[in-house]
């Protein structure tokens, strides 16, 4: 039997494919473009009778999984309360799993069973191989351990280099769904004034030849745009974005001076424009590896001058970072923030930046606080933080006393709130 004959023998309808999933099994699905929408929708039809667990993280696709409630037998578990899942987590229709990206490999190995891996794959080559495209994240390790691999083959999924390939003989069942991938505009939106200033502050502290990690959002875009005149930058990041593509096109990113994996941009998943996906397709200079490796602080630290840029919802004056909740209400997730904060610190010459605007709600609410509200989730602890940045400056907190931290944090708060922050800090004997 040839590989195409084997491919055809495994071809099913979405309903037939998910009928292979049994009670008690855990189904792991990747993030964003790796999510197989036809299979997810078919699985959602079984929500009332299938006693199983569906695990994913960042979900931007409007699938029928969002119709599931806590009354259904199928349990939806998410590690990141993204735009679609946020309200479902807050209503407890979905359950949230606090989980760093780096930890997924060990969790799949030692704590959680993964019976089913379900994801989008590229079209098959002449040797019977497919790739997971730019959708490895935590799902690659789940795929390697799964008893059943159910895939949605999409000719629009880029073929990628790295380790995300697998053979048709490993596949339990497949469907074809050649829909366009979820895409964003090619050019990031113009940054707001605060993000633009923050981006320049951070860019001024980045040297030529540094290796970068930053994600989606106006601050990451602003940092990237402020780096256009830098030379020989490298990439070791969780998320491959259009800002990285743009910096490569402008010649700022070459990866030539990387001491670890030179000439290669490293990531574990991608999300952006169709132009980004076209750039990634069969490009040997962009390699994808699982989150348990890309986000391993010991691996990150092998890159000298590793620069990590991440956002936050608010930060207290001792440096405790909240990037995922409003009080006890889950709003996002930890993702890979702490992984890269730690890895950057261990990197020779590395720096990590937590960046945020100083205020919210038209300057009526300070995002620099003396203490967080009760129940707030601390994403990155104060012992891990290196730099905090707002549009009012940069506070280097690593190794500083509580008193000195408070002074520095108040100095980068919005001027309208500095007196109040100082007053409250004195009441608590911090100052």
Protein backbone atom coordinates (compact mmCIF):
# COMPACT_ATOMS: atom_id res chain seq x y z
CA UNK A 1 0.00 0.00 0.00
CA UNK A 2 1.38 3.42 -0.98
CA UNK A 3 1.32 6.40 1.38
CA UNK A 4 -1.56 8.04 -0.46
CA UNK A 5 -3.56 4.83 -0.25
CA UNK A 6 -2.90 4.75 3.50
CA UNK A 7 -3.93 8.40 3.72
CA UNK A 8 -7.23 7.67 1.96
CA UNK A 9 -7.90 4.65 4.17
CA UNK A 10 -7.83 6.87 7.26
CA UNK A 11 -10.09 9.55 5.77
CA UNK A 12 -13.33 10.08 7.74
CA UNK A 13 -16.05 12.66 8.18
CA UNK A 14 -15.61 14.84 11.28
CA UNK A 15 -18.44 13.01 13.05
CA UNK A 16 -16.90 9.62 12.26
CA UNK A 17 -13.47 10.75 13.46
CA UNK A 18 -14.61 12.04 16.85
CA UNK A 19 -16.77 8.93 17.32
CA UNK A 20 -13.45 7.17 18.02
CA UNK A 21 -13.08 9.16 21.27
CA UNK A 22 -14.28 7.27 24.35
CA UNK A 23 -15.44 8.09 27.86
CA UNK A 24 -12.65 8.89 30.30
CA UNK A 25 -10.23 10.15 27.66
CA UNK A 26 -8.47 13.52 27.57
CA UNK A 27 -8.33 15.33 24.23
CA UNK A 28 -5.53 17.89 23.80
CA UNK A 29 -5.92 20.59 21.16
CA UNK A 30 -3.29 23.28 20.36
CA UNK A 31 -3.72 27.04 20.20
CA UNK A 32 -4.92 29.40 17.47
CA UNK A 33 -4.11 28.14 13.93
CA UNK A 34 -3.48 24.61 15.19
CA UNK A 35 -7.10 24.18 16.25
CA UNK A 36 -9.07 21.83 13.94
CA UNK A 37 -12.38 23.64 13.71
CA UNK A 38 -14.36 20.89 11.93
CA UNK A 39 -13.28 18.30 14.52
CA UNK A 40 -13.92 20.65 17.43
CA UNK A 41 -17.43 21.38 16.19
CA UNK A 42 -18.11 17.67 15.72
CA UNK A 43 -16.82 16.95 19.21
CA UNK A 44 -19.08 19.65 20.67
CA UNK A 45 -22.08 17.71 19.33
CA UNK A 46 -21.13 14.89 21.74
CA UNK A 47 -20.95 17.18 24.77
CA UNK A 48 -24.06 15.75 26.46
CA UNK A 49 -23.08 12.08 26.18
CA UNK A 50 -19.26 11.98 26.11
CA UNK A 51 -17.74 11.88 29.61
CA UNK A 52 -14.30 13.18 28.64
CA UNK A 53 -12.01 16.21 29.05
CA UNK A 54 -11.16 18.69 26.30
CA UNK A 55 -7.97 20.69 26.98
CA UNK A 56 -6.75 23.75 25.13
CA UNK A 57 -5.33 27.19 25.78
CA UNK A 58 -5.62 30.31 23.61
CA UNK A 59 -8.80 29.90 21.54
CA UNK A 60 -9.58 32.67 19.06
CA UNK A 61 -11.80 30.63 16.75
CA UNK A 62 -15.60 30.89 17.21
CA UNK A 63 -16.21 27.14 17.58
CA UNK A 64 -19.25 25.32 18.91
CA UNK A 65 -17.20 24.42 21.98
CA UNK A 66 -18.22 27.85 23.32
CA UNK A 67 -21.80 26.54 23.58
CA UNK A 68 -20.87 23.95 26.20
CA UNK A 69 -21.95 24.52 29.80
CA UNK A 70 -21.01 22.89 33.08
CA UNK A 71 -24.16 20.79 32.76
CA UNK A 72 -22.66 18.86 29.84
CA UNK A 73 -20.63 15.70 30.40
CA UNK A 74 -17.71 16.94 28.29
CA UNK A 75 -15.47 19.05 30.52
CA UNK A 76 -13.72 21.97 28.84
CA UNK A 77 -10.42 22.83 30.48
CA UNK A 78 -8.35 25.83 29.41
CA UNK A 79 -4.90 27.04 30.43
CA UNK A 80 -5.52 30.54 29.09
CA UNK A 81 -8.80 32.41 29.30
CA UNK A 82 -8.66 33.97 25.86
CA UNK A 83 -11.27 36.26 24.29
CA UNK A 84 -13.68 33.42 23.53
CA UNK A 85 -13.22 31.38 26.68
CA UNK A 86 -12.90 34.22 29.20
CA UNK A 87 -16.59 34.59 29.98
CA UNK A 88 -17.01 30.80 30.05
CA UNK A 89 -14.23 30.47 32.64
CA UNK A 90 -15.68 33.28 34.72
CA UNK A 91 -19.14 31.65 34.65
CA UNK A 92 -17.48 28.29 35.51
CA UNK A 93 -18.86 26.63 32.40
CA UNK A 94 -15.19 25.99 31.61
CA UNK A 95 -12.54 25.21 34.20
CA UNK A 96 -9.14 26.93 34.29
CA UNK A 97 -5.83 25.09 34.71
CA UNK A 98 -2.91 27.26 35.92
CA UNK A 99 -0.05 25.94 33.81
CA UNK A 100 3.19 27.43 32.54
CA UNK A 101 4.03 26.54 28.97
CA UNK A 102 7.37 25.07 30.04
CA UNK A 103 5.66 22.70 32.46
CA UNK A 104 3.47 20.99 29.87
CA UNK A 105 5.99 18.31 28.87
CA UNK A 106 6.56 17.12 32.42
CA UNK A 107 2.84 17.36 33.20
CA UNK A 108 1.98 15.20 30.17
CA UNK A 109 4.73 12.75 31.20
CA UNK A 110 4.09 12.40 34.91
CA UNK A 111 0.72 13.79 35.94
CA UNK A 112 -1.87 13.89 33.18
CA UNK A 113 -2.81 11.22 30.66
CA UNK A 114 -3.27 12.25 27.03
CA UNK A 115 -5.29 9.72 25.12
CA UNK A 116 -6.20 11.86 22.10
CA UNK A 117 -4.26 14.56 20.23
CA UNK A 118 -6.38 16.53 17.77
CA UNK A 119 -4.85 19.25 15.55
CA UNK A 120 -4.40 20.78 12.09
CA UNK A 121 -1.66 19.34 9.88
CA UNK A 122 -0.06 20.38 6.62
CA UNK A 123 -0.59 18.33 3.46
CA UNK A 124 1.36 15.07 3.18
CA UNK A 125 4.63 14.85 1.26
CA UNK A 126 5.72 12.02 -1.07
CA UNK A 127 7.31 10.12 1.84
CA UNK A 128 4.14 10.10 3.92
CA UNK A 129 5.17 12.89 6.31
CA UNK A 130 3.02 15.77 7.53
CA UNK A 131 3.88 18.64 9.87
CA UNK A 132 2.00 20.36 12.66
CA UNK A 133 2.91 23.65 11.01
CA UNK A 134 3.36 26.62 13.34
CA UNK A 135 1.10 24.98 15.94
CA UNK A 136 3.36 22.85 18.11
CA UNK A 137 3.02 24.74 21.42
CA UNK A 138 2.12 22.14 24.10
CA UNK A 139 0.35 19.86 21.60
CA UNK A 140 3.47 18.32 20.06
CA UNK A 141 4.35 16.52 23.28
CA UNK A 142 0.71 15.46 23.64
CA UNK A 143 0.81 14.07 20.10
CA UNK A 144 3.91 12.00 20.89
CA UNK A 145 2.20 10.43 23.91
CA UNK A 146 -1.35 10.08 22.57
CA UNK A 147 -2.96 6.71 21.89
CA UNK A 148 -5.09 8.30 19.15
CA UNK A 149 -4.02 11.00 16.70
CA UNK A 150 -6.93 12.62 14.89
CA UNK A 151 -6.00 15.35 12.45
CA UNK A 152 -7.53 17.91 10.16
CA UNK A 153 -5.40 18.17 7.02
CA UNK A 154 -5.33 21.66 5.54
CA UNK A 155 -3.31 22.52 2.44
CA UNK A 156 -3.05 26.10 3.74
CA UNK A 157 -1.11 25.01 6.82
CA UNK A 158 2.57 25.92 6.33
CA UNK A 159 5.09 23.11 6.21
CA UNK A 160 7.62 23.86 8.92
CA UNK A 161 11.12 22.91 9.94
CA UNK A 162 12.18 21.77 13.39
CA UNK A 163 10.59 18.75 15.04
CA UNK A 164 6.89 19.07 14.23
CA UNK A 165 6.73 16.33 11.63
CA UNK A 166 5.04 12.94 11.96
CA UNK A 167 4.13 10.05 9.66
CA UNK A 168 0.76 9.10 8.21
CA UNK A 169 1.19 5.61 9.69
CA UNK A 170 0.86 7.15 13.18
CA UNK A 171 -2.51 8.74 12.42
CA UNK A 172 -5.70 7.13 13.72
CA UNK A 173 -8.11 9.13 11.59
CA UNK A 174 -8.12 12.28 9.48
CA UNK A 175 -10.45 14.74 7.85
CA UNK A 176 -9.76 17.32 5.17
CA UNK A 177 -10.72 20.95 5.66
CA UNK A 178 -8.87 23.38 3.41
CA UNK A 179 -10.14 26.58 4.98
CA UNK A 180 -7.99 29.75 5.11
CA UNK A 181 -6.06 30.04 8.37
CA UNK A 182 -7.15 32.56 10.98
CA UNK A 183 -5.13 35.66 10.07
CA UNK A 184 -4.46 39.19 11.26
CA UNK A 185 -3.59 42.32 9.24
CA UNK A 186 -0.08 42.33 7.73
CA UNK A 187 0.93 45.56 9.44
CA UNK A 188 0.42 46.06 13.19
CA UNK A 189 -1.94 48.85 14.20
CA UNK A 190 -0.23 52.18 14.97
CA UNK A 191 0.74 52.20 18.65
CA UNK A 192 -0.86 54.50 21.17
CA UNK A 193 1.37 57.21 22.61
CA UNK A 194 2.11 55.38 25.87
CA UNK A 195 3.11 52.18 24.06
CA UNK A 196 5.29 54.15 21.67
CA UNK A 197 7.20 55.76 24.56
CA UNK A 198 7.51 52.44 26.41
CA UNK A 199 8.79 50.76 23.27
CA UNK A 200 11.53 53.36 22.87
CA UNK A 201 12.58 53.07 26.53
CA UNK A 202 13.04 49.32 26.12
CA UNK A 203 14.70 49.58 22.70
CA UNK A 204 17.30 51.94 24.17
CA UNK A 205 18.37 49.15 26.54
CA UNK A 206 18.70 46.51 23.81
CA UNK A 207 22.10 46.08 22.22
CA UNK A 208 22.95 44.95 18.70
CA UNK A 209 23.21 41.17 18.52
CA UNK A 210 20.63 40.54 21.28
CA UNK A 211 18.12 37.68 21.00
CA UNK A 212 14.46 38.62 21.32
CA UNK A 213 11.25 37.29 22.81
CA UNK A 214 8.03 39.27 22.65
CA UNK A 215 4.42 38.52 21.91
CA UNK A 216 1.25 40.05 20.58
CA UNK A 217 0.12 43.50 21.65
CA UNK A 218 0.80 47.15 21.13
CA UNK A 219 3.81 47.30 23.47
CA UNK A 220 5.57 44.35 21.83
CA UNK A 221 4.85 45.92 18.42
CA UNK A 222 6.21 49.26 19.62
CA UNK A 223 9.43 47.69 20.91
CA UNK A 224 9.89 45.89 17.62
CA UNK A 225 9.34 49.01 15.55
CA UNK A 226 11.87 50.90 17.68
CA UNK A 227 14.46 48.22 16.86
CA UNK A 228 14.49 48.70 13.10
CA UNK A 229 17.96 50.27 13.09
CA UNK A 230 19.55 47.59 15.30
CA UNK A 231 21.90 45.06 13.78
CA UNK A 232 22.13 41.26 13.86
CA UNK A 233 19.26 40.64 16.27
CA UNK A 234 18.20 37.06 16.90
CA UNK A 235 14.95 35.31 17.82
CA UNK A 236 14.13 32.72 20.49
CA UNK A 237 10.48 33.27 21.28
CA UNK A 238 7.31 31.47 22.26
CA UNK A 239 5.23 33.18 19.59
CA UNK A 240 6.30 34.03 16.03
CA UNK A 241 4.61 37.27 14.93
CA UNK A 242 4.47 39.70 12.05
CA UNK A 243 6.66 42.15 13.94
CA UNK A 244 9.45 39.57 13.77
CA UNK A 245 8.84 39.12 10.05
CA UNK A 246 8.97 42.88 9.52
CA UNK A 247 12.24 43.23 11.44
CA UNK A 248 13.70 40.40 9.35
CA UNK A 249 12.59 42.11 6.12
CA UNK A 250 14.25 45.34 7.26
CA UNK A 251 17.50 43.52 7.96
CA UNK A 252 17.49 44.03 11.74
CA UNK A 253 17.05 40.29 12.42
CA UNK A 254 19.75 38.04 10.95
CA UNK A 255 20.40 35.54 13.80
CA UNK A 256 24.08 35.69 12.79
CA UNK A 257 25.35 36.64 16.23
CA UNK A 258 23.31 34.10 18.19
CA UNK A 259 25.68 31.90 20.17
CA UNK A 260 22.93 29.24 20.49
CA UNK A 261 21.35 27.98 17.25
CA UNK A 262 22.80 30.73 15.02
CA UNK A 263 21.03 31.64 11.76
CA UNK A 264 17.78 30.18 13.10
CA UNK A 265 14.68 31.89 14.51
CA UNK A 266 13.18 29.58 17.15
CA UNK A 267 9.51 29.51 18.21
CA UNK A 268 6.82 27.07 19.34
CA UNK A 269 3.78 28.55 17.60
CA UNK A 270 2.80 31.42 15.32
CA UNK A 271 -0.14 33.74 14.83
CA UNK A 272 -0.35 36.62 12.40
CA UNK A 273 -1.10 37.54 8.81
CA UNK A 274 -1.22 35.34 5.75
CA UNK A 275 2.07 36.97 4.79
CA UNK A 276 3.57 35.60 8.01
CA UNK A 277 2.34 32.09 7.22
CA UNK A 278 3.74 32.36 3.68
CA UNK A 279 7.10 33.45 5.11
CA UNK A 280 7.15 30.51 7.53
CA UNK A 281 6.23 27.93 4.87
CA UNK A 282 9.17 25.61 4.17
CA UNK A 283 11.61 28.22 5.52
CA UNK A 284 14.62 26.43 7.06
CA UNK A 285 15.68 29.58 8.95
CA UNK A 286 12.50 29.39 11.08
CA UNK A 287 12.26 26.30 13.25
CA UNK A 288 9.47 25.21 15.56
CA UNK A 289 9.98 23.17 18.73
CA UNK A 290 7.60 22.24 21.58
CA UNK A 291 6.95 24.64 24.44
CA UNK A 292 8.55 22.27 26.93
CA UNK A 293 11.85 22.93 25.14
CA UNK A 294 11.50 26.48 23.75
CA UNK A 295 10.23 27.78 27.11
CA UNK A 296 12.68 25.86 29.27
CA UNK A 297 14.57 28.60 31.18
CA UNK A 298 17.72 26.48 30.91
CA UNK A 299 17.39 26.48 27.11
CA UNK A 300 16.41 30.16 26.96
CA UNK A 301 19.47 31.07 29.02
CA UNK A 302 21.82 29.48 26.50
CA UNK A 303 21.14 32.53 24.34
CA UNK A 304 23.44 35.34 25.47
CA UNK A 305 21.80 38.77 25.75
CA UNK A 306 18.30 37.29 25.75
CA UNK A 307 15.68 40.06 25.86
CA UNK A 308 12.19 39.21 27.11
CA UNK A 309 9.28 41.65 26.82
CA UNK A 310 5.90 40.85 28.40
CA UNK A 311 2.85 42.78 29.51
CA UNK A 312 0.85 43.03 32.73
CA UNK A 313 -2.51 44.19 34.02
CA UNK A 314 -1.00 45.83 37.09
CA UNK A 315 2.09 45.72 39.31
CA UNK A 316 2.40 46.55 43.00
CA UNK A 317 5.15 48.78 44.37
CA UNK A 318 7.21 45.79 45.52
CA UNK A 319 7.23 44.30 42.01
CA UNK A 320 4.53 41.64 42.18
CA UNK A 321 3.15 41.28 38.65
CA UNK A 322 -0.46 40.42 37.85
CA UNK A 323 -0.97 39.55 34.19
CA UNK A 324 -4.05 37.37 34.40
CA UNK A 325 -6.83 38.41 36.77
CA UNK A 326 -9.02 41.18 38.13
CA UNK A 327 -9.12 40.18 41.77
CA UNK A 328 -10.01 36.48 41.72
CA UNK A 329 -11.71 36.73 38.29
CA UNK A 330 -9.60 34.98 35.66
CA UNK A 331 -8.93 37.24 32.69
CA UNK A 332 -6.02 35.57 30.84
CA UNK A 333 -3.31 33.07 31.84
CA UNK A 334 0.35 32.74 32.78
CA UNK A 335 1.45 31.52 29.34
CA UNK A 336 5.22 31.70 29.07
CA UNK A 337 5.85 34.94 30.92
CA UNK A 338 7.60 33.47 33.95
CA UNK A 339 9.57 31.02 31.77
CA UNK A 340 11.17 33.86 29.84
CA UNK A 341 11.61 36.16 32.85
CA UNK A 342 13.65 33.45 34.52
CA UNK A 343 15.49 32.44 31.34
CA UNK A 344 16.46 36.04 30.56
CA UNK A 345 17.89 36.51 34.05
CA UNK A 346 20.03 33.39 33.71
CA UNK A 347 21.18 34.49 30.25
CA UNK A 348 24.59 36.18 30.09
CA UNK A 349 23.73 39.84 29.60
CA UNK A 350 20.00 39.06 29.48
CA UNK A 351 17.21 41.42 30.50
CA UNK A 352 13.49 40.92 31.09
CA UNK A 353 10.97 43.72 30.87
CA UNK A 354 7.42 43.81 32.21
CA UNK A 355 5.78 46.71 30.40
CA UNK A 356 2.41 48.38 30.92
CA UNK A 357 0.78 51.79 30.60
CA UNK A 358 0.66 53.61 33.92
CA UNK A 359 -3.12 54.05 33.94
CA UNK A 360 -6.41 52.65 32.66
CA UNK A 361 -9.92 54.04 32.15
CA UNK A 362 -8.82 57.43 30.80
CA UNK A 363 -6.22 58.03 33.50
CA UNK A 364 -8.70 57.43 36.34
CA UNK A 365 -7.14 54.15 37.52
CA UNK A 366 -3.49 53.58 38.36
CA UNK A 367 -1.94 50.33 37.16
CA UNK A 368 0.85 50.78 39.69
CA UNK A 369 -0.72 49.84 43.03
CA UNK A 370 0.45 49.63 46.63
CA UNK A 371 -1.28 46.30 47.18
CA UNK A 372 -3.30 44.11 44.83
CA UNK A 373 -7.01 43.51 45.53
CA UNK A 374 -7.85 40.35 47.47
CA UNK A 375 -7.72 37.24 45.33
CA UNK A 376 -5.45 38.74 42.67
CA UNK A 377 -3.27 36.14 40.95
CA UNK A 378 0.45 36.89 41.02
CA UNK A 379 1.85 35.79 37.67
CA UNK A 380 5.47 36.78 38.25
CA UNK A 381 6.77 37.13 41.79
CA UNK A 382 8.78 40.09 42.95
CA UNK A 383 11.95 38.00 43.32
CA UNK A 384 11.85 37.23 39.58
CA UNK A 385 11.23 40.72 38.20
CA UNK A 386 14.09 42.57 36.52
CA UNK A 387 12.71 45.75 34.87
CA UNK A 388 9.26 47.33 35.06
CA UNK A 389 8.51 49.93 32.37
CA UNK A 390 5.74 52.50 31.93
CA UNK A 391 5.57 55.60 29.76
CA UNK A 392 7.08 57.47 32.74
CA UNK A 393 10.29 55.51 32.89
CA UNK A 394 12.14 52.31 33.74
CA UNK A 395 12.42 50.79 37.23
CA UNK A 396 15.18 48.22 37.72
CA UNK A 397 14.01 46.15 40.70
CA UNK A 398 16.27 43.10 40.74
CA UNK A 399 18.25 42.98 43.98
CA UNK A 400 16.62 46.12 45.39
CA UNK A 401 15.14 46.48 48.89
CA UNK A 402 11.41 46.88 49.39
CA UNK A 403 11.90 50.55 50.26
CA UNK A 404 13.97 51.20 47.14
CA UNK A 405 11.53 49.23 44.98
CA UNK A 406 8.65 51.35 46.23
CA UNK A 407 10.50 54.58 45.44
CA UNK A 408 11.35 53.40 41.95
CA UNK A 409 7.86 52.11 41.20
CA UNK A 410 6.20 55.31 42.40
CA UNK A 411 8.57 57.29 40.16
CA UNK A 412 7.20 55.52 37.05
CA UNK A 413 3.54 55.81 38.11
CA UNK A 414 1.33 58.46 36.56
CA UNK A 415 2.03 61.82 38.27
CA UNK A 416 -1.62 62.11 39.32
CA UNK A 417 -1.24 59.05 41.58
CA UNK A 418 2.24 59.44 43.03
CA UNK A 419 1.21 61.35 46.15
CA UNK A 420 -1.53 58.84 46.95
CA UNK A 421 0.80 55.90 46.39
CA UNK A 422 3.41 57.51 48.64
CA UNK A 423 0.80 58.17 51.34
CA UNK A 424 -0.46 54.58 51.27
CA UNK A 425 3.08 53.17 51.24
CA UNK A 426 3.94 55.21 54.35
CA UNK A 427 0.80 53.95 56.11
CA UNK A 428 2.08 50.40 55.53
CA UNK A 429 5.60 51.37 56.71
CA UNK A 430 7.01 50.52 53.30
CA UNK A 431 8.38 54.06 53.06
